[in-house]
C-alpha atoms as a PDB file:
ATOM      1  CA  MET A   1      25.785-125.968-143.363  1.00  0.00           C
ATOM      2  CA  LYS A   2      27.877-127.448-140.392  1.00  0.00           C
ATOM      3  CA  LYS A   3      28.450-123.915-139.088  1.00  0.00           C
ATOM      4  CA  THR A   4      24.728-123.121-139.231  1.00  0.00           C
ATOM      5  CA  ILE A   5      23.848-126.565-137.631  1.00  0.00           C
ATOM      6  CA  LEU A   6      26.515-125.556-134.836  1.00  0.00           C
ATOM      7  CA  THR A   7      25.355-122.516-134.225  1.00  0.00           C
ATOM      8  CA  LEU A   8      21.690-123.626-133.933  1.00  0.00           C
ATOM      9  CA  LEU A   9      23.013-126.283-131.330  1.00  0.00           C
ATOM     10  CA  VAL A  10      24.733-123.949-129.402  1.00  0.00           C
ATOM     11  CA  LEU A  11      21.930-121.386-129.118  1.00  0.00           C
ATOM     12  CA  THR A  12      19.458-124.295-128.044  1.00  0.00           C
ATOM     13  CA  LEU A  13      21.923-125.492-125.278  1.00  0.00           C
ATOM     14  CA  ALA A  14      22.273-121.805-124.034  1.00  0.00           C
ATOM     15  CA  TRP A  15      18.650-121.559-123.898  1.00  0.00           C
ATOM     16  CA  ALA A  16      17.829-124.918-122.049  1.00  0.00           C
ATOM     17  CA  ALA A  17      20.576-123.621-119.668  1.00  0.00           C
ATOM     18  CA  ARG A  18      18.678-120.726-118.552  1.00  0.00           C
ATOM     19  CA  ALA A  19      15.576-122.307-118.310  1.00  0.00           C
ATOM     20  CA  THR A  20      14.950-123.228-114.852  1.00  0.00           C
ATOM     21  CA  ILE A  21      11.801-124.847-113.172  1.00  0.00           C
ATOM     22  CA  GLN A  22      10.766-122.976-110.495  1.00  0.00           C
ATOM     23  CA  THR A  23       8.456-124.152-107.508  1.00  0.00           C
ATOM     24  CA  GLN A  24       6.642-122.053-104.953  1.00  0.00           C
ATOM     25  CA  THR A  25       4.803-123.157-101.985  1.00  0.00           C
ATOM     26  CA  ILE A  26       1.615-120.833-101.682  1.00  0.00           C
ATOM     27  CA  GLU A  27      -0.929-120.637 -99.033  1.00  0.00           C
ATOM     28  CA  TYR A  28      -4.386-119.780 -99.524  1.00  0.00           C
ATOM     29  CA  GLN A  29      -7.931-119.588 -97.660  1.00  0.00           C
ATOM     30  CA  GLN A  30     -11.234-121.393 -98.248  1.00  0.00           C
ATOM     31  CA  GLY A  31     -13.345-120.354 -95.759  1.00  0.00           C
ATOM     32  CA  GLU A  32     -11.831-120.834 -92.184  1.00  0.00           C
ATOM     33  CA  ALA A  33      -9.307-123.323 -93.778  1.00  0.00           C
ATOM     34  CA  THR A  34      -5.897-122.533 -94.477  1.00  0.00           C
ATOM     35  CA  LEU A  35      -4.815-124.531 -97.750  1.00  0.00           C
ATOM     36  CA  GLU A  36      -1.365-124.970 -99.032  1.00  0.00           C
ATOM     37  CA  GLY A  37      -0.388-125.756-102.636  1.00  0.00           C
ATOM     38  CA  VAL A  38       2.482-125.792-105.095  1.00  0.00           C
ATOM     39  CA  LEU A  39       3.042-123.708-108.031  1.00  0.00           C
ATOM     40  CA  VAL A  40       5.408-124.975-110.708  1.00  0.00           C
ATOM     41  CA  TYR A  41       6.507-123.173-114.019  1.00  0.00           C
ATOM     42  CA  ASP A  42       9.479-122.588-116.157  1.00  0.00           C
ATOM     43  CA  ASP A  43      11.033-118.951-115.534  1.00  0.00           C
ATOM     44  CA  ALA A  44      12.627-118.725-119.113  1.00  0.00           C
ATOM     45  CA  ILE A  45       8.986-118.491-120.585  1.00  0.00           C
ATOM     46  CA  LYS A  46       8.197-114.621-120.109  1.00  0.00           C
ATOM     47  CA  THR A  47       4.904-114.405-121.627  1.00  0.00           C
ATOM     48  CA  LYS A  48       1.689-115.486-120.160  1.00  0.00           C
ATOM     49  CA  ARG A  49       0.739-119.277-121.275  1.00  0.00           C
ATOM     50  CA  PRO A  50      -1.946-121.707-120.308  1.00  0.00           C
ATOM     51  CA  GLY A  51      -2.351-122.943-116.489  1.00  0.00           C
ATOM     52  CA  ILE A  52      -3.026-126.391-115.433  1.00  0.00           C
ATOM     53  CA  LEU A  53      -4.570-126.797-112.157  1.00  0.00           C
ATOM     54  CA  ILE A  54      -3.757-130.398-110.913  1.00  0.00           C
ATOM     55  CA  VAL A  55      -5.774-132.137-107.950  1.00  0.00           C
ATOM     56  CA  HIS A  56      -3.996-134.871-105.684  1.00  0.00           C
ATOM     57  CA  GLN A  57      -4.899-138.375-105.108  1.00  0.00           C
ATOM     58  CA  TRP A  58      -6.112-139.719-101.751  1.00  0.00           C
ATOM     59  CA  LYS A  59      -2.858-138.889 -99.486  1.00  0.00           C
ATOM     60  CA  GLY A  60      -2.702-135.317-100.274  1.00  0.00           C
ATOM     61  CA  VAL A  61      -0.313-133.339-102.484  1.00  0.00           C
ATOM     62  CA  SER A  62       2.951-135.434-102.508  1.00  0.00           C
ATOM     63  CA  ALA A  63       5.940-135.809-104.702  1.00  0.00           C
ATOM     64  CA  TYR A  64       3.675-137.854-107.336  1.00  0.00           C
ATOM     65  CA  GLU A  65       2.028-134.249-108.305  1.00  0.00           C
ATOM     66  CA  LEU A  66       4.908-132.249-108.013  1.00  0.00           C
ATOM     67  CA  LYS A  67       6.506-134.541-110.657  1.00  0.00           C
ATOM     68  CA  ARG A  68       3.517-134.178-112.897  1.00  0.00           C
ATOM     69  CA  ALA A  69       3.591-130.607-112.315  1.00  0.00           C
ATOM     70  CA  THR A  70       7.005-130.361-113.160  1.00  0.00           C
ATOM     71  CA  MET A  71       6.660-132.482-116.606  1.00  0.00           C
ATOM     72  CA  LEU A  72       3.485-129.814-117.624  1.00  0.00           C
ATOM     73  CA  ALA A  73       6.284-126.770-116.585  1.00  0.00           C
ATOM     74  CA  GLU A  74       8.712-128.706-119.116  1.00  0.00           C
ATOM     75  CA  LEU A  75       5.710-128.658-121.604  1.00  0.00           C
ATOM     76  CA  GLY A  76       5.337-124.803-121.138  1.00  0.00           C
ATOM     77  CA  TYR A  77       2.401-124.854-118.973  1.00  0.00           C
ATOM     78  CA  VAL A  78       2.010-123.105-115.254  1.00  0.00           C
ATOM     79  CA  ALA A  79       1.063-125.719-113.150  1.00  0.00           C
ATOM     80  CA  PHE A  80      -0.550-125.444-109.548  1.00  0.00           C
ATOM     81  CA  CYS A  81      -0.945-128.410-107.338  1.00  0.00           C
ATOM     82  CA  ALA A  82      -4.159-127.541-105.284  1.00  0.00           C
ATOM     83  CA  ASP A  83      -4.804-128.684-101.575  1.00  0.00           C
ATOM     84  CA  ILE A  84      -7.796-130.278-100.978  1.00  0.00           C
ATOM     85  CA  TYR A  85      -7.623-131.287 -97.376  1.00  0.00           C
ATOM     86  CA  GLY A  86      -5.946-128.290 -95.839  1.00  0.00           C
ATOM     87  CA  LYS A  87      -2.252-127.622 -94.536  1.00  0.00           C
ATOM     88  CA  GLY A  88      -0.626-130.008 -93.105  1.00  0.00           C
ATOM     89  CA  ILE A  89      -3.190-132.773 -93.802  1.00  0.00           C
ATOM     90  CA  ARG A  90      -1.222-135.527 -95.742  1.00  0.00           C
ATOM     91  CA  PRO A  91      -2.512-139.012 -94.533  1.00  0.00           C
ATOM     92  CA  GLN A  92      -0.361-141.921 -95.434  1.00  0.00           C
ATOM     93  CA  ALA A  93      -2.196-144.698 -94.156  1.00  0.00           C
ATOM     94  CA  PRO A  94      -4.696-146.244 -96.315  1.00  0.00           C
ATOM     95  CA  ALA A  95      -7.601-146.169 -93.675  1.00  0.00           C
ATOM     96  CA  GLU A  96      -6.664-142.384 -92.836  1.00  0.00           C
ATOM     97  CA  ALA A  97      -6.254-141.518 -96.367  1.00  0.00           C
ATOM     98  CA  GLY A  98      -9.981-142.916 -96.992  1.00  0.00           C
ATOM     99  CA  ALA A  99     -11.260-141.399 -94.310  1.00  0.00           C
ATOM    100  CA  GLN A 100     -10.335-138.117 -95.645  1.00  0.00           C
ATOM    101  CA  ALA A 101     -11.016-138.676 -99.130  1.00  0.00           C
ATOM    102  CA  GLY A 102     -14.866-139.715 -98.128  1.00  0.00           C
ATOM    103  CA  LYS A 103     -15.165-136.685 -96.325  1.00  0.00           C
ATOM    104  CA  TYR A 104     -15.161-134.736 -99.488  1.00  0.00           C
ATOM    105  CA  LYS A 105     -17.037-137.377-101.665  1.00  0.00           C
ATOM    106  CA  SER A 106     -19.943-137.189 -99.384  1.00  0.00           C
ATOM    107  CA  ASP A 107     -19.918-133.359 -99.112  1.00  0.00           C
ATOM    108  CA  ARG A 108     -19.788-132.405-103.109  1.00  0.00           C
ATOM    109  CA  ALA A 109     -20.468-128.656-102.438  1.00  0.00           C
ATOM    110  CA  LEU A 110     -17.260-128.529-100.159  1.00  0.00           C
ATOM    111  CA  LEU A 111     -15.579-130.514-102.582  1.00  0.00           C
ATOM    112  CA  ARG A 112     -16.070-128.034-104.854  1.00  0.00           C
ATOM    113  CA  ALA A 113     -15.436-124.946-103.101  1.00  0.00           C
ATOM    114  CA  ARG A 114     -11.832-126.373-102.081  1.00  0.00           C
ATOM    115  CA  VAL A 115     -11.180-126.887-105.872  1.00  0.00           C
ATOM    116  CA  ASN A 116     -12.505-123.644-106.851  1.00  0.00           C
ATOM    117  CA  ALA A 117     -10.447-121.920-104.270  1.00  0.00           C
ATOM    118  CA  GLY A 118      -7.464-123.537-105.801  1.00  0.00           C
ATOM    119  CA  LEU A 119      -8.654-122.240-109.316  1.00  0.00           C
ATOM    120  CA  ALA A 120      -8.776-119.078-108.116  1.00  0.00           C
ATOM    121  CA  VAL A 121      -4.958-119.027-106.865  1.00  0.00           C
ATOM    122  CA  LEU A 122      -3.954-120.347-110.657  1.00  0.00           C
ATOM    123  CA  ARG A 123      -6.312-117.765-112.292  1.00  0.00           C
ATOM    124  CA  LYS A 124      -4.797-114.729-110.947  1.00  0.00           C
ATOM    125  CA  ASN A 125      -1.185-115.930-111.361  1.00  0.00           C
ATOM    126  CA  GLU A 126       0.757-113.344-113.325  1.00  0.00           C
ATOM    127  CA  PHE A 127       2.142-115.894-115.703  1.00  0.00           C
ATOM    128  CA  VAL A 128      -1.106-117.629-116.417  1.00  0.00           C
ATOM    129  CA  ASP A 129      -3.527-116.556-119.462  1.00  0.00           C
ATOM    130  CA  ALA A 130      -6.634-116.871-117.386  1.00  0.00           C
ATOM    131  CA  SER A 131      -8.572-117.675-120.853  1.00  0.00           C
ATOM    132  CA  ARG A 132      -6.788-121.154-121.116  1.00  0.00           C
ATOM    133  CA  ILE A 133      -7.194-122.847-117.908  1.00  0.00           C
ATOM    134  CA  ALA A 134      -7.480-126.676-117.649  1.00  0.00           C
ATOM    135  CA  ALA A 135      -7.352-129.008-114.424  1.00  0.00           C
ATOM    136  CA  ILE A 136      -6.422-132.569-114.347  1.00  0.00           C
ATOM    137  CA  GLY A 137      -6.742-134.897-111.289  1.00  0.00           C
ATOM    138  CA  TYR A 138      -5.656-138.456-110.514  1.00  0.00           C
ATOM    139  CA  CYS A 139      -8.016-141.169-108.568  1.00  0.00           C
ATOM    140  CA  PHE A 140      -9.433-138.847-106.077  1.00  0.00           C
ATOM    141  CA  GLY A 141      -8.298-135.921-107.869  1.00  0.00           C
ATOM    142  CA  GLY A 142     -10.040-137.086-110.900  1.00  0.00           C
ATOM    143  CA  THR A 143     -13.190-137.250-109.035  1.00  0.00           C
ATOM    144  CA  THR A 144     -12.623-133.764-108.047  1.00  0.00           C
ATOM    145  CA  VAL A 145     -11.973-131.897-111.435  1.00  0.00           C
ATOM    146  CA  ILE A 146     -15.136-133.580-112.918  1.00  0.00           C
ATOM    147  CA  GLU A 147     -16.768-132.009-109.729  1.00  0.00           C
ATOM    148  CA  LEU A 148     -14.998-128.844-110.605  1.00  0.00           C
ATOM    149  CA  ALA A 149     -16.743-128.816-114.126  1.00  0.00           C
ATOM    150  CA  ARG A 150     -20.405-129.788-112.798  1.00  0.00           C
ATOM    151  CA  SER A 151     -19.659-126.579-110.751  1.00  0.00           C
ATOM    152  CA  GLY A 152     -19.848-124.448-113.929  1.00  0.00           C
ATOM    153  CA  ALA A 153     -16.392-123.605-113.676  1.00  0.00           C
ATOM    154  CA  ASP A 154     -15.383-121.155-116.569  1.00  0.00           C
ATOM    155  CA  ILE A 155     -12.108-122.932-117.730  1.00  0.00           C
ATOM    156  CA  ALA A 156     -11.358-125.058-121.089  1.00  0.00           C
ATOM    157  CA  GLY A 157     -11.053-128.437-119.867  1.00  0.00           C
ATOM    158  CA  VAL A 158     -10.803-131.172-117.286  1.00  0.00           C
ATOM    159  CA  VAL A 159      -8.910-134.328-117.438  1.00  0.00           C
ATOM    160  CA  SER A 160      -9.559-137.261-114.982  1.00  0.00           C
ATOM    161  CA  PHE A 161      -7.394-140.074-114.732  1.00  0.00           C
ATOM    162  CA  HIS A 162      -8.736-143.040-113.144  1.00  0.00           C
ATOM    163  CA  GLY A 163     -11.225-141.146-111.005  1.00  0.00           C
ATOM    164  CA  GLY A 164     -14.329-141.807-109.605  1.00  0.00           C
ATOM    165  CA  LEU A 165     -17.060-141.530-112.120  1.00  0.00           C
ATOM    166  CA  ASP A 166     -20.347-141.591-110.139  1.00  0.00           C
ATOM    167  CA  SER A 167     -22.882-139.333-110.907  1.00  0.00           C
ATOM    168  CA  PRO A 168     -24.698-138.426-107.393  1.00  0.00           C
ATOM    169  CA  THR A 169     -26.579-135.593-108.868  1.00  0.00           C
ATOM    170  CA  PRO A 170     -26.892-136.060-112.583  1.00  0.00           C
ATOM    171  CA  ALA A 171     -28.798-132.875-113.075  1.00  0.00           C
ATOM    172  CA  ASP A 172     -25.517-131.140-112.549  1.00  0.00           C
ATOM    173  CA  GLY A 173     -24.262-132.284-115.998  1.00  0.00           C
ATOM    174  CA  LYS A 174     -26.303-129.365-117.518  1.00  0.00           C
ATOM    175  CA  ASN A 175     -23.733-126.872-115.723  1.00  0.00           C
ATOM    176  CA  ILE A 176     -20.658-128.171-117.302  1.00  0.00           C
ATOM    177  CA  LYS A 177     -19.167-125.335-119.712  1.00  0.00           C
ATOM    178  CA  CYS A 178     -15.788-127.050-120.755  1.00  0.00           C
ATOM    179  CA  LYS A 179     -14.509-129.932-122.584  1.00  0.00           C
ATOM    180  CA  VAL A 180     -14.408-133.459-120.511  1.00  0.00           C
ATOM    181  CA  LEU A 181     -11.816-136.160-120.804  1.00  0.00           C
ATOM    182  CA  ALA A 182     -11.997-139.180-118.593  1.00  0.00           C
ATOM    183  CA  CYS A 183      -8.845-141.921-119.237  1.00  0.00           C
ATOM    184  CA  HIS A 184     -10.272-144.997-117.351  1.00  0.00           C
ATOM    185  CA  GLY A 185      -8.657-148.447-116.840  1.00  0.00           C
ATOM    186  CA  ALA A 186     -11.080-150.824-118.502  1.00  0.00           C
ATOM    187  CA  ASP A 187     -10.809-153.307-115.464  1.00  0.00           C
ATOM    188  CA  ASP A 188     -10.764-150.983-112.690  1.00  0.00           C
ATOM    189  CA  PRO A 189     -12.431-152.695-110.127  1.00  0.00           C
ATOM    190  CA  PHE A 190     -13.212-149.754-107.792  1.00  0.00           C
ATOM    191  CA  VAL A 191     -15.535-147.971-110.486  1.00  0.00           C
ATOM    192  CA  PRO A 192     -18.470-150.402-111.154  1.00  0.00           C
ATOM    193  CA  ALA A 193     -20.275-150.670-114.664  1.00  0.00           C
ATOM    194  CA  LYS A 194     -23.230-148.799-113.453  1.00  0.00           C
ATOM    195  CA  ASP A 195     -21.153-145.703-112.498  1.00  0.00           C
ATOM    196  CA  LEU A 196     -19.914-145.602-116.005  1.00  0.00           C
ATOM    197  CA  ALA A 197     -23.253-145.809-117.320  1.00  0.00           C
ATOM    198  CA  ALA A 198     -24.505-143.033-115.268  1.00  0.00           C
ATOM    199  CA  PHE A 199     -21.485-140.745-116.052  1.00  0.00           C
ATOM    200  CA  GLU A 200     -22.431-141.544-119.872  1.00  0.00           C
ATOM    201  CA  SER A 201     -26.023-140.527-119.347  1.00  0.00           C
ATOM    202  CA  GLU A 202     -25.143-137.446-117.401  1.00  0.00           C
ATOM    203  CA  MET A 203     -22.686-136.345-119.920  1.00  0.00           C
ATOM    204  CA  ARG A 204     -25.249-136.944-123.006  1.00  0.00           C
ATOM    205  CA  ASP A 205     -28.147-135.557-121.003  1.00  0.00           C
ATOM    206  CA  GLY A 206     -26.271-132.211-119.974  1.00  0.00           C
ATOM    207  CA  GLY A 207     -25.258-131.653-123.598  1.00  0.00           C
ATOM    208  CA  ALA A 208     -21.520-132.033-122.528  1.00  0.00           C
ATOM    209  CA  ASP A 209     -18.514-132.201-125.209  1.00  0.00           C
ATOM    210  CA  TRP A 210     -16.950-135.365-123.500  1.00  0.00           C
ATOM    211  CA  GLN A 211     -14.420-138.296-124.055  1.00  0.00           C
ATOM    212  CA  LEU A 212     -14.272-141.488-122.184  1.00  0.00           C
ATOM    213  CA  VAL A 213     -10.965-143.453-123.193  1.00  0.00           C
ATOM    214  CA  GLN A 214     -10.945-146.749-121.423  1.00  0.00           C
ATOM    215  CA  TYR A 215      -7.491-148.652-121.440  1.00  0.00           C
ATOM    216  CA  GLY A 216      -7.486-152.725-121.742  1.00  0.00           C
ATOM    217  CA  GLY A 217      -5.737-154.564-118.963  1.00  0.00           C
ATOM    218  CA  ALA A 218      -5.384-151.289-116.904  1.00  0.00           C
ATOM    219  CA  VAL A 219      -6.769-151.353-112.965  1.00  0.00           C
ATOM    220  CA  HIS A 220      -6.910-148.373-110.662  1.00  0.00           C
ATOM    221  CA  SER A 221      -4.064-146.165-110.357  1.00  0.00           C
ATOM    222  CA  PHE A 222      -2.530-147.096-113.735  1.00  0.00           C
ATOM    223  CA  THR A 223      -0.517-143.739-113.996  1.00  0.00           C
ATOM    224  CA  ASP A 224       0.852-144.078-110.121  1.00  0.00           C
ATOM    225  CA  TRP A 225       4.436-145.366-110.774  1.00  0.00           C
ATOM    226  CA  ASN A 226       4.131-146.126-106.903  1.00  0.00           C
ATOM    227  CA  ALA A 227       1.256-148.341-107.096  1.00  0.00           C
ATOM    228  CA  ASP A 228       3.176-151.775-106.976  1.00  0.00           C
ATOM    229  CA  GLY A 229      -0.030-153.791-106.846  1.00  0.00           C
ATOM    230  CA  SER A 230       0.323-154.352-102.984  1.00  0.00           C
ATOM    231  CA  MET A 231      -3.292-152.812-102.907  1.00  0.00           C
ATOM    232  CA  LYS A 232      -5.374-155.392-105.007  1.00  0.00           C
ATOM    233  CA  GLY A 233      -6.897-153.538-107.975  1.00  0.00           C
ATOM    234  CA  ALA A 234      -4.575-150.606-108.023  1.00  0.00           C
ATOM    235  CA  GLN A 235      -1.233-150.694-110.139  1.00  0.00           C
ATOM    236  CA  TYR A 236       0.872-149.070-112.123  1.00  0.00           C
ATOM    237  CA  ASN A 237       0.798-149.590-116.328  1.00  0.00           C
ATOM    238  CA  GLU A 238       3.478-148.426-118.028  1.00  0.00           C
ATOM    239  CA  GLN A 239       1.600-148.574-121.281  1.00  0.00           C
ATOM    240  CA  ALA A 240      -1.876-146.826-120.207  1.00  0.00           C
ATOM    241  CA  ASP A 241       0.016-144.309-118.414  1.00  0.00           C
ATOM    242  CA  LYS A 242       2.072-143.157-121.696  1.00  0.00           C
ATOM    243  CA  ARG A 243      -1.077-143.583-123.767  1.00  0.00           C
ATOM    244  CA  SER A 244      -3.359-141.335-121.326  1.00  0.00           C
ATOM    245  CA  TRP A 245      -0.654-138.592-121.145  1.00  0.00           C
ATOM    246  CA  ALA A 246      -0.410-138.567-124.934  1.00  0.00           C
ATOM    247  CA  GLU A 247      -4.280-138.235-124.658  1.00  0.00           C
ATOM    248  CA  MET A 248      -4.195-135.337-122.567  1.00  0.00           C
ATOM    249  CA  LYS A 249      -1.258-133.457-124.443  1.00  0.00           C
ATOM    250  CA  GLN A 250      -3.626-133.701-127.590  1.00  0.00           C
ATOM    251  CA  PHE A 251      -6.712-132.715-125.649  1.00  0.00           C
ATOM    252  CA  PHE A 252      -4.651-129.791-124.481  1.00  0.00           C
ATOM    253  CA  GLY A 253      -3.568-129.121-128.033  1.00  0.00           C
ATOM    254  CA  GLU A 254      -7.322-128.865-128.932  1.00  0.00           C
ATOM    255  CA  ILE A 255      -8.552-126.613-126.115  1.00  0.00           C
ATOM    256  CA  PHE A 256      -5.792-124.261-126.091  1.00  0.00           C
ATOM    257  CA  LYS A 257      -5.327-123.673-129.976  1.00  0.00           C
END
């Protein structure tokens, strides 16, 4: 018995040693814009697997999104960090980041075009099972993946983490083909009650399969370990972060079964 356990342990360690998380920077186009995303996957897995599109926060693709992509790759997914802003556009100052995010929030058609361009890159990847794709997004990215759903994208599901939940064109809810999970800080001061109500009405009226999970005591950016509270109303919450990540994994288990 001890020999069998030892053998299994050796085989497990050998497999872990072979498993390597790979990252690949990919340039792609949307119209005349050159975008630059990052693909992350475990090269020890030789079969096709579900793909997860990740959409960044208001400062563009950063180490935060790459860490999330690595976490997903370790779970066996192929993750692609999409670029909404464009190659080299990575604003750091809040005013600049706000201006960039605002540009796309005020032009939802352009936002949908950019996120669908990223989806196309993920869908055609050789390691991805194109019939099993989901998208997740944080803050600005949360808003974006809901817009992806509203665009009628043929994917399995979207997950918004502390994203904007306003419904500028409520009738677009009827275009949603995938399942929707919104993870929301119950005390987020940047999402007014009217936006929550509008989101719920849009989902109901559109006949979507949706969930809205609220975390008590959590404000904006509750999953972002870099949010130290220096921006009022935005702070990391470890409990809400862990709960929402578990909620996402359960959601994936449902949509990819």
